[in-house]
């Protein structure tokens, strides 16, 4: 099978979380993007809650928010390169990166 980049899931609600866990357990790299206007009704089942808690563990899978500390480095990389580096840094620890709108 040909290796591909991570799969981006738009949304951090319980349905998106269930899909992310299924893909993650199938050994596929997954990234979740949480829309800032998204309303999370079931916080205990949503990786979108990682934005507020920094990490969220559901069914033994950890969703980790990309913190501004990972982005604010003093190197010459562009903003997208820094986001990409942060995604792979989190995936290296077998966690699902959770991206939200960062203030820049």
C-alpha atoms as a PDB file:
ATOM      1  CA  UNK A   1       0.000   0.000   0.000  1.00  0.00           C
ATOM      2  CA  UNK A   2       1.259   3.448  -0.865  1.00  0.00           C
ATOM      3  CA  UNK A   3       2.081   5.671   2.100  1.00  0.00           C
ATOM      4  CA  UNK A   4       0.021   8.837   2.336  1.00  0.00           C
ATOM      5  CA  UNK A   5       0.059  11.916   4.516  1.00  0.00           C
ATOM      6  CA  UNK A   6      -2.231  12.367   7.476  1.00  0.00           C
ATOM      7  CA  UNK A   7      -6.004  12.423   7.043  1.00  0.00           C
ATOM      8  CA  UNK A   8      -7.583  15.728   8.072  1.00  0.00           C
ATOM      9  CA  UNK A   9     -10.966  15.554   9.777  1.00  0.00           C
ATOM     10  CA  UNK A  10     -12.867  18.830   9.899  1.00  0.00           C
ATOM     11  CA  UNK A  11     -14.701  18.895  13.209  1.00  0.00           C
ATOM     12  CA  UNK A  12     -14.091  17.789  16.752  1.00  0.00           C
ATOM     13  CA  UNK A  13     -17.545  16.534  17.731  1.00  0.00           C
ATOM     14  CA  UNK A  14     -18.385  12.986  18.823  1.00  0.00           C
ATOM     15  CA  UNK A  15     -18.935  11.710  15.262  1.00  0.00           C
ATOM     16  CA  UNK A  16     -15.622  13.121  14.038  1.00  0.00           C
ATOM     17  CA  UNK A  17     -13.926  11.700  17.138  1.00  0.00           C
ATOM     18  CA  UNK A  18     -15.353   8.223  16.473  1.00  0.00           C
ATOM     19  CA  UNK A  19     -14.072   8.347  12.883  1.00  0.00           C
ATOM     20  CA  UNK A  20     -10.658   9.579  14.037  1.00  0.00           C
ATOM     21  CA  UNK A  21     -10.361   6.742  16.560  1.00  0.00           C
ATOM     22  CA  UNK A  22     -11.328   4.159  13.927  1.00  0.00           C
ATOM     23  CA  UNK A  23      -8.740   5.511  11.469  1.00  0.00           C
ATOM     24  CA  UNK A  24      -6.114   5.782  14.217  1.00  0.00           C
ATOM     25  CA  UNK A  25      -6.714   2.164  15.274  1.00  0.00           C
ATOM     26  CA  UNK A  26      -6.318   1.199  11.598  1.00  0.00           C
ATOM     27  CA  UNK A  27      -2.763   2.634  11.751  1.00  0.00           C
ATOM     28  CA  UNK A  28      -3.634   5.718   9.677  1.00  0.00           C
ATOM     29  CA  UNK A  29      -2.297   9.109  10.721  1.00  0.00           C
ATOM     30  CA  UNK A  30      -5.172  11.397  11.562  1.00  0.00           C
ATOM     31  CA  UNK A  31      -5.411  15.124  12.343  1.00  0.00           C
ATOM     32  CA  UNK A  32      -8.508  16.879  13.680  1.00  0.00           C
ATOM     33  CA  UNK A  33      -9.311  20.515  12.912  1.00  0.00           C
ATOM     34  CA  UNK A  34     -11.772  22.091  15.339  1.00  0.00           C
ATOM     35  CA  UNK A  35     -13.766  24.978  13.971  1.00  0.00           C
ATOM     36  CA  UNK A  36     -13.775  27.841  16.504  1.00  0.00           C
ATOM     37  CA  UNK A  37     -17.556  28.243  16.058  1.00  0.00           C
ATOM     38  CA  UNK A  38     -18.283  24.545  16.556  1.00  0.00           C
ATOM     39  CA  UNK A  39     -20.590  23.676  19.424  1.00  0.00           C
ATOM     40  CA  UNK A  40     -19.574  20.509  21.242  1.00  0.00           C
ATOM     41  CA  UNK A  41     -22.622  18.937  22.821  1.00  0.00           C
ATOM     42  CA  UNK A  42     -20.999  15.805  24.253  1.00  0.00           C
ATOM     43  CA  UNK A  43     -17.662  16.954  25.661  1.00  0.00           C
ATOM     44  CA  UNK A  44     -16.854  13.593  27.237  1.00  0.00           C
ATOM     45  CA  UNK A  45     -16.881  11.999  23.749  1.00  0.00           C
ATOM     46  CA  UNK A  46     -15.224  14.763  21.729  1.00  0.00           C
ATOM     47  CA  UNK A  47     -11.571  15.368  20.880  1.00  0.00           C
ATOM     48  CA  UNK A  48     -12.604  18.970  20.283  1.00  0.00           C
ATOM     49  CA  UNK A  49     -12.503  19.348  24.055  1.00  0.00           C
ATOM     50  CA  UNK A  50      -8.701  18.920  23.869  1.00  0.00           C
ATOM     51  CA  UNK A  51      -8.565  22.546  22.748  1.00  0.00           C
ATOM     52  CA  UNK A  52      -9.622  23.559  26.265  1.00  0.00           C
ATOM     53  CA  UNK A  53      -7.970  20.758  28.249  1.00  0.00           C
ATOM     54  CA  UNK A  54      -4.767  20.449  26.184  1.00  0.00           C
ATOM     55  CA  UNK A  55      -5.273  16.652  25.991  1.00  0.00           C
ATOM     56  CA  UNK A  56      -8.277  14.375  25.854  1.00  0.00           C
ATOM     57  CA  UNK A  57      -8.217  10.585  26.207  1.00  0.00           C
ATOM     58  CA  UNK A  58     -11.095   8.622  24.689  1.00  0.00           C
ATOM     59  CA  UNK A  59     -11.040   4.810  24.308  1.00  0.00           C
ATOM     60  CA  UNK A  60      -7.318   4.723  25.146  1.00  0.00           C
ATOM     61  CA  UNK A  61      -6.528   7.154  22.303  1.00  0.00           C
ATOM     62  CA  UNK A  62      -5.126  10.587  23.153  1.00  0.00           C
ATOM     63  CA  UNK A  63      -6.003  13.735  21.271  1.00  0.00           C
ATOM     64  CA  UNK A  64      -3.448  16.486  21.923  1.00  0.00           C
ATOM     65  CA  UNK A  65      -4.012  20.131  21.078  1.00  0.00           C
ATOM     66  CA  UNK A  66      -1.251  21.888  19.196  1.00  0.00           C
ATOM     67  CA  UNK A  67      -0.161  24.490  21.690  1.00  0.00           C
ATOM     68  CA  UNK A  68       1.234  27.870  20.826  1.00  0.00           C
ATOM     69  CA  UNK A  69       4.506  26.785  22.469  1.00  0.00           C
ATOM     70  CA  UNK A  70       5.050  24.296  19.646  1.00  0.00           C
ATOM     71  CA  UNK A  71       4.386  27.022  17.073  1.00  0.00           C
ATOM     72  CA  UNK A  72       6.307  29.900  18.668  1.00  0.00           C
ATOM     73  CA  UNK A  73       9.847  28.913  17.836  1.00  0.00           C
ATOM     74  CA  UNK A  74      12.575  31.274  16.753  1.00  0.00           C
ATOM     75  CA  UNK A  75      13.502  29.483  13.572  1.00  0.00           C
ATOM     76  CA  UNK A  76      13.097  30.735  10.025  1.00  0.00           C
ATOM     77  CA  UNK A  77      10.317  28.314   9.092  1.00  0.00           C
ATOM     78  CA  UNK A  78       7.016  29.609   7.780  1.00  0.00           C
ATOM     79  CA  UNK A  79       3.833  29.321   9.826  1.00  0.00           C
ATOM     80  CA  UNK A  80       2.663  26.292   7.792  1.00  0.00           C
ATOM     81  CA  UNK A  81       5.999  24.545   8.286  1.00  0.00           C
ATOM     82  CA  UNK A  82       5.730  25.111  12.033  1.00  0.00           C
ATOM     83  CA  UNK A  83       2.196  23.652  12.072  1.00  0.00           C
ATOM     84  CA  UNK A  84       3.417  20.679  10.038  1.00  0.00           C
ATOM     85  CA  UNK A  85       6.346  20.112  12.426  1.00  0.00           C
ATOM     86  CA  UNK A  86       3.992  20.291  15.417  1.00  0.00           C
ATOM     87  CA  UNK A  87       1.621  17.760  13.817  1.00  0.00           C
ATOM     88  CA  UNK A  88       4.409  15.258  13.244  1.00  0.00           C
ATOM     89  CA  UNK A  89       5.820  15.896  16.725  1.00  0.00           C
ATOM     90  CA  UNK A  90       2.480  14.897  18.272  1.00  0.00           C
ATOM     91  CA  UNK A  91       1.964  11.943  15.897  1.00  0.00           C
ATOM     92  CA  UNK A  92       5.422  10.664  16.814  1.00  0.00           C
ATOM     93  CA  UNK A  93       4.021   9.991  20.316  1.00  0.00           C
ATOM     94  CA  UNK A  94       1.071   8.026  18.830  1.00  0.00           C
ATOM     95  CA  UNK A  95      -1.454  10.756  19.578  1.00  0.00           C
ATOM     96  CA  UNK A  96      -3.985  12.518  17.378  1.00  0.00           C
ATOM     97  CA  UNK A  97      -3.113  16.198  16.819  1.00  0.00           C
ATOM     98  CA  UNK A  98      -6.013  18.595  17.377  1.00  0.00           C
ATOM     99  CA  UNK A  99      -5.678  21.912  15.553  1.00  0.00           C
ATOM    100  CA  UNK A 100      -7.749  24.950  16.357  1.00  0.00           C
ATOM    101  CA  UNK A 101      -7.587  28.537  15.232  1.00  0.00           C
ATOM    102  CA  UNK A 102      -4.442  29.969  16.757  1.00  0.00           C
ATOM    103  CA  UNK A 103      -4.054  33.710  17.163  1.00  0.00           C
ATOM    104  CA  UNK A 104      -1.375  35.025  14.791  1.00  0.00           C
END
